Amino acid sequence: MSAMRMHPGEVDLDAGPVGRLVAGRFPRWAGLPVERLRSSGTENAMFRLGSDLVVRLPRHPGAVEGVAHEQRWLPRLGPLLPFAVPEPLGRGGPGEGFPWPWSVYRWLDGSNPVVGALDDPEPLARDLAAFVTALRGIDAAGGPVCHRGVPLASRDAPTREAIARLAGRIDTAAVTDLWEEALEVPEYAGAPVWAHGDLSPGNVLVDGGRLTAVIDFGSAGVGDPAVDLIVAWNLLPAEVRGTFRTAVGADEAQWARGRGWALSVSLIQLPYYWDTNPPLAANSRHVIKEMLAERG
């Protein structure tokens, strides 16, 4: 099975070479069945290995740094969080025509929630708030900078470029107004804290409507905690956003910065993935629609 190429330098991956990679580096897992997992993710390919393991391989050069990042920081963060996160069990290297490092993790049960189809979203809102609060409470000393934990103004040029590319497809005047309002919000002036950086439906696992795990910590780092509020718009319905906001303790400025981050991420993703990744494009359109509805 080949992966659709969406990034420069992206490689095709299928189960055969992945199985041989695993056998060459970890003989104890040789012979376990390898199954490619369907995902809307753009950074890594995932293969289930036997019943208890998963292999995660970067799909393009820009995702390679995340391998070492997760190997270093997940063992520190995981034990301090109230929900499961990926547990690195091994690190592999190039081989079988694959040029980069890769990881083996313990398998995590659960499935991605379906936006707009949450039967009882309030408990999930509280679970997500508990995860964000616990992550923020971890000692940030020595932590890496979260590239999405920086001032929103640093996103101005690419966000406006994306808006221009979306002319005729969305209400560009309305979203420009929303973006300019976000830029007027005071910057974060507190101490840097830990943030996941990409808290989206594809990185959340649920069972019975409750949060079981959060995955993909390649963007995790320290900075403005507002970035993790994006989940209020990319996953949670309007009727429980207040529950999430209260539980996570976001004041007006933090909430507004979180809204700005959700808007910027969605606007930049939308033209890039419009034709190549329908699930991501659909979620971006959903976020924009939700924000315009809030504005009235």
C-alpha atoms as a PDB file:
ATOM      1  CA  MET A   1       0.000   0.000   0.000  1.00  0.00           C
ATOM      2  CA  SER A   2       1.428   3.364  -0.997  1.00  0.00           C
ATOM      3  CA  ALA A   3       0.936   6.624   0.846  1.00  0.00           C
ATOM      4  CA  MET A   4      -0.370   9.685  -0.985  1.00  0.00           C
ATOM      5  CA  ARG A   5       2.447  12.178  -1.239  1.00  0.00           C
ATOM      6  CA  MET A   6       1.716  15.560   0.256  1.00  0.00           C
ATOM      7  CA  HIS A   7       5.167  16.751   1.374  1.00  0.00           C
ATOM      8  CA  PRO A   8       8.465  17.173  -0.512  1.00  0.00           C
ATOM      9  CA  GLY A   9      10.634  14.108  -0.030  1.00  0.00           C
ATOM     10  CA  GLU A  10       7.780  11.942   1.219  1.00  0.00           C
ATOM     11  CA  VAL A  11       8.392   8.207   0.995  1.00  0.00           C
ATOM     12  CA  ASP A  12       6.006   5.379   0.200  1.00  0.00           C
ATOM     13  CA  LEU A  13       5.608   2.776   2.920  1.00  0.00           C
ATOM     14  CA  ASP A  14       4.023  -0.657   3.049  1.00  0.00           C
ATOM     15  CA  ALA A  15       3.900  -3.583   5.423  1.00  0.00           C
ATOM     16  CA  GLY A  16       6.590  -5.731   3.792  1.00  0.00           C
ATOM     17  CA  PRO A  17       9.585  -3.412   4.250  1.00  0.00           C
ATOM     18  CA  VAL A  18       8.326  -2.360   7.677  1.00  0.00           C
ATOM     19  CA  GLY A  19       8.240  -5.985   8.794  1.00  0.00           C
ATOM     20  CA  ARG A  20      11.803  -6.471   7.557  1.00  0.00           C
ATOM     21  CA  LEU A  21      12.931  -3.272   9.300  1.00  0.00           C
ATOM     22  CA  VAL A  22      11.523  -4.564  12.568  1.00  0.00           C
ATOM     23  CA  ALA A  23      13.037  -8.035  12.131  1.00  0.00           C
ATOM     24  CA  GLY A  24      16.473  -6.583  11.392  1.00  0.00           C
ATOM     25  CA  ARG A  25      16.523  -4.275  14.391  1.00  0.00           C
ATOM     26  CA  PHE A  26      14.424  -6.223  16.903  1.00  0.00           C
ATOM     27  CA  PRO A  27      14.699  -9.989  16.307  1.00  0.00           C
ATOM     28  CA  ARG A  28      12.374 -10.696  19.237  1.00  0.00           C
ATOM     29  CA  TRP A  29       9.525  -9.148  17.232  1.00  0.00           C
ATOM     30  CA  ALA A  30      10.394 -10.804  13.915  1.00  0.00           C
ATOM     31  CA  GLY A  31       7.501 -12.702  12.417  1.00  0.00           C
ATOM     32  CA  LEU A  32       4.765 -10.682  14.094  1.00  0.00           C
ATOM     33  CA  PRO A  33       2.041  -9.638  11.647  1.00  0.00           C
ATOM     34  CA  VAL A  34       2.318  -6.084  10.316  1.00  0.00           C
ATOM     35  CA  GLU A  35      -0.794  -4.131   9.328  1.00  0.00           C
ATOM     36  CA  ARG A  36      -0.923  -0.590   7.983  1.00  0.00           C
ATOM     37  CA  LEU A  37      -3.319   1.634   9.923  1.00  0.00           C
ATOM     38  CA  ARG A  38      -5.539   4.125   8.147  1.00  0.00           C
ATOM     39  CA  SER A  39      -5.001   7.677   9.350  1.00  0.00           C
ATOM     40  CA  SER A  40      -5.590  11.258   8.238  1.00  0.00           C
ATOM     41  CA  GLY A  41      -2.246  12.204   9.800  1.00  0.00           C
ATOM     42  CA  THR A  42       0.335  13.783   7.533  1.00  0.00           C
ATOM     43  CA  GLU A  43       3.549  13.430   9.530  1.00  0.00           C
ATOM     44  CA  ASN A  44       3.884   9.721  10.327  1.00  0.00           C
ATOM     45  CA  ALA A  45       2.755   6.334   9.072  1.00  0.00           C
ATOM     46  CA  MET A  46       1.514   3.810  11.612  1.00  0.00           C
ATOM     47  CA  PHE A  47       1.689   0.026  11.400  1.00  0.00           C
ATOM     48  CA  ARG A  48       0.246  -2.328  13.980  1.00  0.00           C
ATOM     49  CA  LEU A  49       2.783  -4.957  14.999  1.00  0.00           C
ATOM     50  CA  GLY A  50       1.204  -8.054  16.471  1.00  0.00           C
ATOM     51  CA  SER A  51      -1.518  -7.306  19.012  1.00  0.00           C
ATOM     52  CA  ASP A  52       0.421  -5.196  21.504  1.00  0.00           C
ATOM     53  CA  LEU A  53       2.760  -2.952  19.485  1.00  0.00           C
ATOM     54  CA  VAL A  54       2.716  -0.199  16.877  1.00  0.00           C
ATOM     55  CA  VAL A  55       5.501   1.022  14.574  1.00  0.00           C
ATOM     56  CA  ARG A  56       5.596   4.743  13.822  1.00  0.00           C
ATOM     57  CA  LEU A  57       7.696   6.014  10.923  1.00  0.00           C
ATOM     58  CA  PRO A  58       8.134   9.589   9.675  1.00  0.00           C
ATOM     59  CA  ARG A  59       6.689  10.092   6.208  1.00  0.00           C
ATOM     60  CA  HIS A  60       8.836  13.042   5.140  1.00  0.00           C
ATOM     61  CA  PRO A  61      12.026  14.855   6.242  1.00  0.00           C
ATOM     62  CA  GLY A  62      10.157  17.429   8.308  1.00  0.00           C
ATOM     63  CA  ALA A  63       8.802  14.732  10.603  1.00  0.00           C
ATOM     64  CA  VAL A  64      12.137  13.092  11.383  1.00  0.00           C
ATOM     65  CA  GLU A  65      13.004  15.350  14.321  1.00  0.00           C
ATOM     66  CA  GLY A  66       9.880  14.158  16.100  1.00  0.00           C
ATOM     67  CA  VAL A  67      11.325  10.663  16.564  1.00  0.00           C
ATOM     68  CA  ALA A  68      14.098  11.774  18.932  1.00  0.00           C
ATOM     69  CA  HIS A  69      11.784  14.376  20.480  1.00  0.00           C
ATOM     70  CA  GLU A  70       9.226  11.784  21.547  1.00  0.00           C
ATOM     71  CA  GLN A  71      11.864   9.260  22.602  1.00  0.00           C
ATOM     72  CA  ARG A  72      13.309  11.875  24.947  1.00  0.00           C
ATOM     73  CA  TRP A  73      10.235  13.548  26.391  1.00  0.00           C
ATOM     74  CA  LEU A  74       7.446  10.963  26.503  1.00  0.00           C
ATOM     75  CA  PRO A  75       9.119   8.914  29.289  1.00  0.00           C
ATOM     76  CA  ARG A  76       9.272  12.106  31.354  1.00  0.00           C
ATOM     77  CA  LEU A  77       5.740  13.334  30.635  1.00  0.00           C
ATOM     78  CA  GLY A  78       3.794  10.088  30.494  1.00  0.00           C
ATOM     79  CA  PRO A  79       3.966   9.051  34.156  1.00  0.00           C
ATOM     80  CA  LEU A  80       2.700  12.489  35.220  1.00  0.00           C
ATOM     81  CA  LEU A  81      -0.404  12.542  33.024  1.00  0.00           C
ATOM     82  CA  PRO A  82      -3.866  11.175  33.928  1.00  0.00           C
ATOM     83  CA  PHE A  83      -4.415   9.497  30.547  1.00  0.00           C
ATOM     84  CA  ALA A  84      -2.281   7.162  28.492  1.00  0.00           C
ATOM     85  CA  VAL A  85       0.303   8.497  26.052  1.00  0.00           C
ATOM     86  CA  PRO A  86       2.589   6.592  23.664  1.00  0.00           C
ATOM     87  CA  GLU A  87       5.236   4.536  25.467  1.00  0.00           C
ATOM     88  CA  PRO A  88       8.472   4.181  23.451  1.00  0.00           C
ATOM     89  CA  LEU A  89       9.747   0.599  23.521  1.00  0.00           C
ATOM     90  CA  GLY A  90      12.431   0.768  20.849  1.00  0.00           C
ATOM     91  CA  ARG A  91      14.117   2.988  18.290  1.00  0.00           C
ATOM     92  CA  GLY A  92      15.134   1.772  14.851  1.00  0.00           C
ATOM     93  CA  GLY A  93      17.302   3.196  12.101  1.00  0.00           C
ATOM     94  CA  PRO A  94      17.467   3.352   8.294  1.00  0.00           C
ATOM     95  CA  GLY A  95      17.139   0.195   6.247  1.00  0.00           C
ATOM     96  CA  GLU A  96      15.139  -1.557   3.540  1.00  0.00           C
ATOM     97  CA  GLY A  97      15.212   1.651   1.509  1.00  0.00           C
ATOM     98  CA  PHE A  98      13.797   3.678   4.393  1.00  0.00           C
ATOM     99  CA  PRO A  99      16.180   6.564   5.222  1.00  0.00           C
ATOM    100  CA  TRP A 100      15.240   7.727   8.735  1.00  0.00           C
ATOM    101  CA  PRO A 101      14.915   6.666  12.386  1.00  0.00           C
ATOM    102  CA  TRP A 102      11.608   5.240  13.599  1.00  0.00           C
ATOM    103  CA  SER A 103       9.977   4.027  16.799  1.00  0.00           C
ATOM    104  CA  VAL A 104       8.094   1.102  18.276  1.00  0.00           C
ATOM    105  CA  TYR A 105       5.455   1.918  20.884  1.00  0.00           C
ATOM    106  CA  ARG A 106       3.069  -0.038  23.030  1.00  0.00           C
ATOM    107  CA  TRP A 107      -0.357  -0.316  21.401  1.00  0.00           C
ATOM    108  CA  LEU A 108      -3.039   1.999  22.826  1.00  0.00           C
ATOM    109  CA  ASP A 109      -6.690   1.013  22.657  1.00  0.00           C
ATOM    110  CA  GLY A 110      -9.344   3.480  21.566  1.00  0.00           C
ATOM    111  CA  SER A 111     -10.494   5.242  18.417  1.00  0.00           C
ATOM    112  CA  ASN A 112     -10.529   8.805  17.151  1.00  0.00           C
ATOM    113  CA  PRO A 113     -13.716  10.696  18.050  1.00  0.00           C
ATOM    114  CA  VAL A 114     -15.993  11.737  15.197  1.00  0.00           C
ATOM    115  CA  VAL A 115     -16.592  15.471  15.142  1.00  0.00           C
ATOM    116  CA  GLY A 116     -20.307  16.238  15.252  1.00  0.00           C
ATOM    117  CA  ALA A 117     -21.174  12.737  16.430  1.00  0.00           C
ATOM    118  CA  LEU A 118     -20.281  12.813  20.142  1.00  0.00           C
ATOM    119  CA  ASP A 119     -23.171  11.233  22.046  1.00  0.00           C
ATOM    120  CA  ASP A 120     -22.323  12.823  25.401  1.00  0.00           C
ATOM    121  CA  PRO A 121     -19.582  15.439  24.896  1.00  0.00           C
ATOM    122  CA  GLU A 122     -19.534  16.953  28.386  1.00  0.00           C
ATOM    123  CA  PRO A 123     -17.522  14.154  30.060  1.00  0.00           C
ATOM    124  CA  LEU A 124     -15.050  14.281  27.162  1.00  0.00           C
ATOM    125  CA  ALA A 125     -14.741  18.052  27.617  1.00  0.00           C
ATOM    126  CA  ARG A 126     -13.872  17.505  31.271  1.00  0.00           C
ATOM    127  CA  ASP A 127     -11.400  14.748  30.420  1.00  0.00           C
ATOM    128  CA  LEU A 128      -9.622  16.966  27.900  1.00  0.00           C
ATOM    129  CA  ALA A 129      -9.463  19.771  30.436  1.00  0.00           C
ATOM    130  CA  ALA A 130      -7.954  17.373  32.986  1.00  0.00           C
ATOM    131  CA  PHE A 131      -5.290  16.343  30.475  1.00  0.00           C
ATOM    132  CA  VAL A 132      -4.427  19.944  29.567  1.00  0.00           C
ATOM    133  CA  THR A 133      -4.334  20.999  33.227  1.00  0.00           C
ATOM    134  CA  ALA A 134      -2.061  18.109  34.207  1.00  0.00           C
ATOM    135  CA  LEU A 135       0.303  18.791  31.301  1.00  0.00           C
ATOM    136  CA  ARG A 136       0.516  22.467  32.239  1.00  0.00           C
ATOM    137  CA  GLY A 137       1.397  21.485  35.782  1.00  0.00           C
ATOM    138  CA  ILE A 138       4.536  19.536  34.852  1.00  0.00           C
ATOM    139  CA  ASP A 139       7.828  21.276  35.605  1.00  0.00           C
ATOM    140  CA  ALA A 140       8.771  23.148  32.431  1.00  0.00           C
ATOM    141  CA  ALA A 141      12.433  23.655  33.338  1.00  0.00           C
ATOM    142  CA  GLY A 142      14.630  22.599  30.450  1.00  0.00           C
ATOM    143  CA  GLY A 143      11.685  21.814  28.215  1.00  0.00           C
ATOM    144  CA  PRO A 144      11.916  22.477  24.461  1.00  0.00           C
ATOM    145  CA  VAL A 145      10.147  25.461  22.951  1.00  0.00           C
ATOM    146  CA  CYS A 146       6.701  24.612  21.595  1.00  0.00           C
ATOM    147  CA  HIS A 147       6.668  26.031  18.083  1.00  0.00           C
ATOM    148  CA  ARG A 148       2.957  26.697  18.526  1.00  0.00           C
ATOM    149  CA  GLY A 149       3.435  28.264  21.937  1.00  0.00           C
ATOM    150  CA  VAL A 150       4.732  31.517  20.485  1.00  0.00           C
ATOM    151  CA  PRO A 151       2.929  34.842  19.919  1.00  0.00           C
ATOM    152  CA  LEU A 152       0.109  34.726  17.385  1.00  0.00           C
ATOM    153  CA  ALA A 153       1.711  37.603  15.496  1.00  0.00           C
ATOM    154  CA  SER A 154       4.351  35.171  14.254  1.00  0.00           C
ATOM    155  CA  ARG A 155       1.557  33.475  12.262  1.00  0.00           C
ATOM    156  CA  ASP A 156       0.303  36.635  10.610  1.00  0.00           C
ATOM    157  CA  ALA A 157       1.983  36.332   7.204  1.00  0.00           C
ATOM    158  CA  PRO A 158       1.178  32.648   6.528  1.00  0.00           C
ATOM    159  CA  THR A 159      -2.371  33.088   7.852  1.00  0.00           C
ATOM    160  CA  ARG A 160      -3.075  36.034   5.539  1.00  0.00           C
ATOM    161  CA  GLU A 161      -1.482  34.164   2.639  1.00  0.00           C
ATOM    162  CA  ALA A 162      -3.806  31.237   3.296  1.00  0.00           C
ATOM    163  CA  ILE A 163      -6.823  33.545   3.434  1.00  0.00           C
ATOM    164  CA  ALA A 164      -5.865  34.967   0.040  1.00  0.00           C
ATOM    165  CA  ARG A 165      -5.609  31.456  -1.411  1.00  0.00           C
ATOM    166  CA  LEU A 166      -9.105  30.689  -0.126  1.00  0.00           C
ATOM    167  CA  ALA A 167     -10.775  33.578  -1.946  1.00  0.00           C
ATOM    168  CA  GLY A 168     -14.013  32.358  -3.464  1.00  0.00           C
ATOM    169  CA  ARG A 169     -14.115  29.282  -1.246  1.00  0.00           C
ATOM    170  CA  ILE A 170     -14.832  30.839   2.165  1.00  0.00           C
ATOM    171  CA  ASP A 171     -15.948  34.235   3.486  1.00  0.00           C
ATOM    172  CA  THR A 172     -12.484  35.777   3.463  1.00  0.00           C
ATOM    173  CA  ALA A 173     -13.666  39.162   4.743  1.00  0.00           C
ATOM    174  CA  ALA A 174     -15.255  37.591   7.808  1.00  0.00           C
ATOM    175  CA  VAL A 175     -12.298  35.376   8.661  1.00  0.00           C
ATOM    176  CA  THR A 176      -9.914  38.304   8.150  1.00  0.00           C
ATOM    177  CA  ASP A 177     -11.913  40.240  10.737  1.00  0.00           C
ATOM    178  CA  LEU A 178     -11.680  37.287  13.132  1.00  0.00           C
ATOM    179  CA  TRP A 179      -7.937  37.008  12.598  1.00  0.00           C
ATOM    180  CA  GLU A 180      -7.343  40.731  13.136  1.00  0.00           C
ATOM    181  CA  GLU A 181      -9.349  40.562  16.362  1.00  0.00           C
ATOM    182  CA  ALA A 182      -7.111  37.726  17.535  1.00  0.00           C
ATOM    183  CA  LEU A 183      -3.994  39.764  16.815  1.00  0.00           C
ATOM    184  CA  GLU A 184      -5.256  42.514  19.126  1.00  0.00           C
ATOM    185  CA  VAL A 185      -5.325  40.197  22.156  1.00  0.00           C
ATOM    186  CA  PRO A 186      -2.436  40.785  24.601  1.00  0.00           C
ATOM    187  CA  GLU A 187       0.431  38.328  24.264  1.00  0.00           C
ATOM    188  CA  TYR A 188       1.062  35.745  26.950  1.00  0.00           C
ATOM    189  CA  ALA A 189       3.199  37.241  29.707  1.00  0.00           C
ATOM    190  CA  GLY A 190       3.426  34.293  32.082  1.00  0.00           C
ATOM    191  CA  ALA A 191       6.056  31.632  32.586  1.00  0.00           C
ATOM    192  CA  PRO A 192       6.291  29.010  29.820  1.00  0.00           C
ATOM    193  CA  VAL A 193       4.312  25.849  30.522  1.00  0.00           C
ATOM    194  CA  TRP A 194       4.008  22.491  28.791  1.00  0.00           C
ATOM    195  CA  ALA A 195       1.579  22.216  25.882  1.00  0.00           C
ATOM    196  CA  HIS A 196       0.816  19.346  23.519  1.00  0.00           C
ATOM    197  CA  GLY A 197       0.709  21.732  20.565  1.00  0.00           C
ATOM    198  CA  ASP A 198      -1.533  19.653  18.277  1.00  0.00           C
ATOM    199  CA  LEU A 199      -4.561  18.662  20.313  1.00  0.00           C
ATOM    200  CA  SER A 200      -6.824  17.643  17.434  1.00  0.00           C
ATOM    201  CA  PRO A 201      -9.337  14.818  16.847  1.00  0.00           C
ATOM    202  CA  GLY A 202      -6.715  12.690  15.114  1.00  0.00           C
ATOM    203  CA  ASN A 203      -4.495  12.811  18.191  1.00  0.00           C
ATOM    204  CA  VAL A 204      -7.211  11.889  20.692  1.00  0.00           C
ATOM    205  CA  LEU A 205      -8.359   8.347  21.469  1.00  0.00           C
ATOM    206  CA  VAL A 206     -11.690   7.632  23.129  1.00  0.00           C
ATOM    207  CA  ASP A 207     -13.657   4.610  24.291  1.00  0.00           C
ATOM    208  CA  GLY A 208     -17.305   4.872  25.207  1.00  0.00           C
ATOM    209  CA  GLY A 209     -17.079   8.610  24.677  1.00  0.00           C
ATOM    210  CA  ARG A 210     -14.379   9.067  27.334  1.00  0.00           C
ATOM    211  CA  LEU A 211     -10.775  10.033  26.754  1.00  0.00           C
ATOM    212  CA  THR A 212      -8.387   7.083  26.945  1.00  0.00           C
ATOM    213  CA  ALA A 213      -5.180   8.453  25.420  1.00  0.00           C
ATOM    214  CA  VAL A 214      -3.517  11.386  23.688  1.00  0.00           C
ATOM    215  CA  ILE A 215      -0.967  10.643  20.978  1.00  0.00           C
ATOM    216  CA  ASP A 216       1.567  12.428  18.735  1.00  0.00           C
ATOM    217  CA  PHE A 217       3.752  14.549  21.000  1.00  0.00           C
ATOM    218  CA  GLY A 218       6.028  15.668  18.161  1.00  0.00           C
ATOM    219  CA  SER A 219       4.972  19.292  18.710  1.00  0.00           C
ATOM    220  CA  ALA A 220       4.977  19.204  22.514  1.00  0.00           C
ATOM    221  CA  GLY A 221       7.003  21.834  24.305  1.00  0.00           C
ATOM    222  CA  VAL A 222       6.824  24.822  26.596  1.00  0.00           C
ATOM    223  CA  GLY A 223       5.329  28.220  25.847  1.00  0.00           C
ATOM    224  CA  ASP A 224       1.894  29.849  25.838  1.00  0.00           C
ATOM    225  CA  PRO A 225      -0.656  27.313  27.113  1.00  0.00           C
ATOM    226  CA  ALA A 226      -3.408  28.816  24.946  1.00  0.00           C
ATOM    227  CA  VAL A 227      -2.476  26.632  21.986  1.00  0.00           C
ATOM    228  CA  ASP A 228      -4.038  23.564  23.617  1.00  0.00           C
ATOM    229  CA  LEU A 229      -7.417  25.283  23.655  1.00  0.00           C
ATOM    230  CA  ILE A 230      -7.763  24.586  19.921  1.00  0.00           C
ATOM    231  CA  VAL A 231      -9.583  21.364  20.823  1.00  0.00           C
ATOM    232  CA  ALA A 232     -12.541  23.478  21.937  1.00  0.00           C
ATOM    233  CA  TRP A 233     -13.255  24.249  18.283  1.00  0.00           C
ATOM    234  CA  ASN A 234     -11.763  21.374  16.294  1.00  0.00           C
ATOM    235  CA  LEU A 235     -13.554  18.702  18.348  1.00  0.00           C
ATOM    236  CA  LEU A 236     -15.932  19.911  21.050  1.00  0.00           C
ATOM    237  CA  PRO A 237     -19.413  21.202  20.156  1.00  0.00           C
ATOM    238  CA  ALA A 238     -20.454  24.709  21.134  1.00  0.00           C
ATOM    239  CA  GLU A 239     -22.660  23.599  24.020  1.00  0.00           C
ATOM    240  CA  VAL A 240     -19.742  22.209  26.048  1.00  0.00           C
ATOM    241  CA  ARG A 241     -17.040  24.762  25.247  1.00  0.00           C
ATOM    242  CA  GLY A 242     -17.966  26.628  28.396  1.00  0.00           C
ATOM    243  CA  THR A 243     -17.532  23.450  30.428  1.00  0.00           C
ATOM    244  CA  PHE A 244     -14.089  22.927  28.948  1.00  0.00           C
ATOM    245  CA  ARG A 245     -13.096  26.576  29.446  1.00  0.00           C
ATOM    246  CA  THR A 246     -14.175  26.610  33.091  1.00  0.00           C
ATOM    247  CA  ALA A 247     -12.468  23.313  33.859  1.00  0.00           C
ATOM    248  CA  VAL A 248      -9.201  24.402  32.264  1.00  0.00           C
ATOM    249  CA  GLY A 249      -9.347  27.847  33.903  1.00  0.00           C
ATOM    250  CA  ALA A 250      -8.882  29.970  30.780  1.00  0.00           C
ATOM    251  CA  ASP A 251      -9.337  33.699  31.276  1.00  0.00           C
ATOM    252  CA  GLU A 252     -10.657  35.945  28.516  1.00  0.00           C
ATOM    253  CA  ALA A 253      -7.279  36.667  26.934  1.00  0.00           C
ATOM    254  CA  GLN A 254      -6.143  33.038  26.974  1.00  0.00           C
ATOM    255  CA  TRP A 255      -9.436  31.898  25.480  1.00  0.00           C
ATOM    256  CA  ALA A 256      -9.159  34.512  22.723  1.00  0.00           C
ATOM    257  CA  ARG A 257      -5.590  33.436  21.925  1.00  0.00           C
ATOM    258  CA  GLY A 258      -6.728  29.810  21.787  1.00  0.00           C
ATOM    259  CA  ARG A 259      -9.464  30.792  19.353  1.00  0.00           C
ATOM    260  CA  GLY A 260      -6.874  32.617  17.282  1.00  0.00           C
ATOM    261  CA  TRP A 261      -4.645  29.542  17.196  1.00  0.00           C
ATOM    262  CA  ALA A 262      -7.525  27.300  16.124  1.00  0.00           C
ATOM    263  CA  LEU A 263      -8.409  29.761  13.369  1.00  0.00           C
ATOM    264  CA  SER A 264      -4.848  30.129  12.105  1.00  0.00           C
ATOM    265  CA  VAL A 265      -4.168  26.382  12.077  1.00  0.00           C
ATOM    266  CA  SER A 266      -7.380  25.718  10.173  1.00  0.00           C
ATOM    267  CA  LEU A 267      -6.856  28.489   7.649  1.00  0.00           C
ATOM    268  CA  ILE A 268      -3.308  27.378   6.852  1.00  0.00           C
ATOM    269  CA  GLN A 269      -4.279  23.699   6.634  1.00  0.00           C
ATOM    270  CA  LEU A 270      -7.318  24.224   4.431  1.00  0.00           C
ATOM    271  CA  PRO A 271      -5.784  25.283   1.101  1.00  0.00           C
ATOM    272  CA  TYR A 272      -2.807  22.962   1.598  1.00  0.00           C
ATOM    273  CA  TYR A 273      -4.940  19.862   2.160  1.00  0.00           C
ATOM    274  CA  TRP A 274      -8.115  20.804   0.250  1.00  0.00           C
ATOM    275  CA  ASP A 275      -7.530  18.180  -2.455  1.00  0.00           C
ATOM    276  CA  THR A 276      -5.037  15.819  -0.791  1.00  0.00           C
ATOM    277  CA  ASN A 277      -6.429  15.137   2.689  1.00  0.00           C
ATOM    278  CA  PRO A 278     -10.244  15.369   2.824  1.00  0.00           C
ATOM    279  CA  PRO A 279     -10.548  14.651   6.597  1.00  0.00           C
ATOM    280  CA  LEU A 280      -8.141  17.449   7.558  1.00  0.00           C
ATOM    281  CA  ALA A 281      -9.758  19.838   5.094  1.00  0.00           C
ATOM    282  CA  ALA A 282     -13.208  18.986   6.446  1.00  0.00           C
ATOM    283  CA  ASN A 283     -12.091  19.635  10.013  1.00  0.00           C
ATOM    284  CA  SER A 284     -10.605  22.979   9.001  1.00  0.00           C
ATOM    285  CA  ARG A 285     -13.882  23.998   7.367  1.00  0.00           C
ATOM    286  CA  HIS A 286     -15.701  22.861  10.506  1.00  0.00           C
ATOM    287  CA  VAL A 287     -13.557  25.094  12.738  1.00  0.00           C
ATOM    288  CA  ILE A 288     -14.074  28.115  10.501  1.00  0.00           C
ATOM    289  CA  LYS A 289     -17.831  27.502  10.403  1.00  0.00           C
ATOM    290  CA  GLU A 290     -17.988  27.194  14.190  1.00  0.00           C
ATOM    291  CA  MET A 291     -16.117  30.446  14.701  1.00  0.00           C
ATOM    292  CA  LEU A 292     -18.259  32.367  12.266  1.00  0.00           C
ATOM    293  CA  ALA A 293     -21.364  30.994  14.013  1.00  0.00           C
ATOM    294  CA  GLU A 294     -20.029  32.165  17.382  1.00  0.00           C
ATOM    295  CA  ARG A 295     -19.513  35.635  15.958  1.00  0.00           C
ATOM    296  CA  GLY A 296     -23.100  35.730  14.719  1.00  0.00           C
END
